C-alpha atoms as a PDB file:
ATOM      1  CA  MET A   1     -46.957-123.575   7.046  1.00  0.00           C
ATOM      2  CA  GLN A   2     -45.658-120.203   8.080  1.00  0.00           C
ATOM      3  CA  HIS A   3     -43.963-120.962  11.426  1.00  0.00           C
ATOM      4  CA  PHE A   4     -43.081-124.655  11.209  1.00  0.00           C
ATOM      5  CA  VAL A   5     -41.179-126.885   8.801  1.00  0.00           C
ATOM      6  CA  ASN A   6     -40.862-130.682   8.684  1.00  0.00           C
ATOM      7  CA  HIS A   7     -37.239-131.811   8.289  1.00  0.00           C
ATOM      8  CA  GLY A   8     -38.180-135.495   8.165  1.00  0.00           C
ATOM      9  CA  TYR A   9     -37.733-136.147  11.888  1.00  0.00           C
ATOM     10  CA  GLY A  10     -40.569-133.900  13.077  1.00  0.00           C
ATOM     11  CA  TRP A  11     -41.933-130.370  12.883  1.00  0.00           C
ATOM     12  CA  THR A  12     -39.578-127.614  14.041  1.00  0.00           C
ATOM     13  CA  CYS A  13     -40.123-123.915  14.620  1.00  0.00           C
ATOM     14  CA  ARG A  14     -38.464-122.062  11.729  1.00  0.00           C
ATOM     15  CA  HIS A  15     -37.287-119.132  13.871  1.00  0.00           C
ATOM     16  CA  CYS A  16     -35.876-121.174  16.779  1.00  0.00           C
ATOM     17  CA  HIS A  17     -34.326-123.780  14.464  1.00  0.00           C
ATOM     18  CA  GLU A  18     -32.437-121.050  12.578  1.00  0.00           C
ATOM     19  CA  GLN A  19     -31.173-119.628  15.876  1.00  0.00           C
ATOM     20  CA  GLU A  20     -29.962-123.081  16.980  1.00  0.00           C
ATOM     21  CA  GLU A  21     -28.158-123.645  13.679  1.00  0.00           C
ATOM     22  CA  THR A  22     -26.484-120.233  13.890  1.00  0.00           C
ATOM     23  CA  ALA A  23     -25.373-120.946  17.461  1.00  0.00           C
ATOM     24  CA  ARG A  24     -23.894-124.311  16.428  1.00  0.00           C
ATOM     25  CA  VAL A  25     -21.883-122.672  13.654  1.00  0.00           C
ATOM     26  CA  HIS A  26     -20.501-120.101  16.068  1.00  0.00           C
ATOM     27  CA  GLU A  27     -19.590-122.596  18.809  1.00  0.00           C
ATOM     28  CA  LYS A  28     -15.923-122.450  19.675  1.00  0.00           C
ATOM     29  CA  SER A  29     -15.535-126.168  20.293  1.00  0.00           C
ATOM     30  CA  ALA A  30     -15.760-128.457  17.311  1.00  0.00           C
ATOM     31  CA  ARG A  31     -16.838-131.492  19.323  1.00  0.00           C
ATOM     32  CA  ALA A  32     -19.249-133.908  17.742  1.00  0.00           C
ATOM     33  CA  ARG A  33     -22.805-133.905  19.079  1.00  0.00           C
ATOM     34  CA  PHE A  34     -22.100-137.377  20.505  1.00  0.00           C
ATOM     35  CA  PHE A  35     -19.704-135.855  23.034  1.00  0.00           C
ATOM     36  CA  SER A  36     -22.005-133.067  24.165  1.00  0.00           C
ATOM     37  CA  GLU A  37     -25.361-134.830  24.330  1.00  0.00           C
ATOM     38  CA  GLY A  38     -26.626-137.739  26.338  1.00  0.00           C
ATOM     39  CA  GLU A  39     -26.998-139.075  29.824  1.00  0.00           C
ATOM     40  CA  ALA A  40     -23.332-140.018  30.119  1.00  0.00           C
ATOM     41  CA  GLU A  41     -22.416-136.342  29.932  1.00  0.00           C
ATOM     42  CA  GLU A  42     -25.127-134.731  32.056  1.00  0.00           C
ATOM     43  CA  ARG A  43     -27.739-135.745  34.590  1.00  0.00           C
ATOM     44  CA  GLU A  44     -30.451-134.188  32.446  1.00  0.00           C
ATOM     45  CA  PRO A  45     -29.700-134.703  28.751  1.00  0.00           C
ATOM     46  CA  LYS A  46     -30.672-132.008  26.271  1.00  0.00           C
ATOM     47  CA  PHE A  47     -32.121-132.732  22.861  1.00  0.00           C
ATOM     48  CA  SER A  48     -30.155-131.380  19.923  1.00  0.00           C
ATOM     49  CA  ALA A  49     -33.384-129.994  18.422  1.00  0.00           C
ATOM     50  CA  SER A  50     -35.068-128.146  21.260  1.00  0.00           C
ATOM     51  CA  SER A  51     -37.201-126.348  18.672  1.00  0.00           C
ATOM     52  CA  LEU A  52     -39.045-129.593  17.921  1.00  0.00           C
ATOM     53  CA  ALA A  53     -42.743-128.729  17.960  1.00  0.00           C
ATOM     54  CA  ARG A  54     -45.386-130.508  19.987  1.00  0.00           C
ATOM     55  CA  TRP A  55     -49.079-131.009  19.385  1.00  0.00           C
ATOM     56  CA  ARG A  56     -51.128-128.684  21.554  1.00  0.00           C
ATOM     57  CA  ASP A  57     -53.766-131.348  22.324  1.00  0.00           C
ATOM     58  CA  GLU A  58     -54.991-134.805  21.322  1.00  0.00           C
ATOM     59  CA  SER A  59     -56.894-133.482  18.288  1.00  0.00           C
ATOM     60  CA  ARG A  60     -53.530-132.711  16.592  1.00  0.00           C
ATOM     61  CA  GLN A  61     -54.875-129.557  15.005  1.00  0.00           C
ATOM     62  CA  GLU A  62     -52.284-127.093  16.381  1.00  0.00           C
ATOM     63  CA  LEU A  63     -48.512-127.199  16.708  1.00  0.00           C
ATOM     64  CA  VAL A  64     -46.713-125.270  19.445  1.00  0.00           C
ATOM     65  CA  CYS A  65     -43.004-124.456  19.841  1.00  0.00           C
ATOM     66  CA  PRO A  66     -41.770-125.206  23.379  1.00  0.00           C
ATOM     67  CA  GLN A  67     -39.114-122.465  23.155  1.00  0.00           C
ATOM     68  CA  CYS A  68     -40.886-119.381  21.838  1.00  0.00           C
ATOM     69  CA  GLY A  69     -44.499-120.496  22.276  1.00  0.00           C
ATOM     70  CA  VAL A  70     -45.652-119.759  18.722  1.00  0.00           C
ATOM     71  CA  VAL A  71     -48.834-121.672  17.815  1.00  0.00           C
ATOM     72  CA  GLU A  72     -50.102-122.513  14.353  1.00  0.00           C
ATOM     73  CA  LYS A  73     -53.035-124.540  13.123  1.00  0.00           C
ATOM     74  CA  PHE A  74     -51.900-127.544  11.123  1.00  0.00           C
ATOM     75  CA  GLY A  75     -52.654-127.055   7.439  1.00  0.00           C
ATOM     76  CA  GLU A  76     -53.682-123.434   7.901  1.00  0.00           C
ATOM     77  CA  GLN A  77     -53.206-121.334   4.776  1.00  0.00           C
ATOM     78  CA  ALA A  78     -51.660-117.890   5.289  1.00  0.00           C
END
């Protein structure tokens, strides 16, 4: 797939995932994810992988990135 990759926990958008990883490396605080994620820390918890793709509909033929909106047919050859 051109826009998505499966890391074993779900499909992620390649572009957005790379941006998230770069941002984590450049974070000033070295706190563990445990201390910055979860309902104990915020009223609305944030997922560590916000680039995790979702199926566009019940047919599960297309993946969509919730961040950038890129859509790709599952199994489509480029």
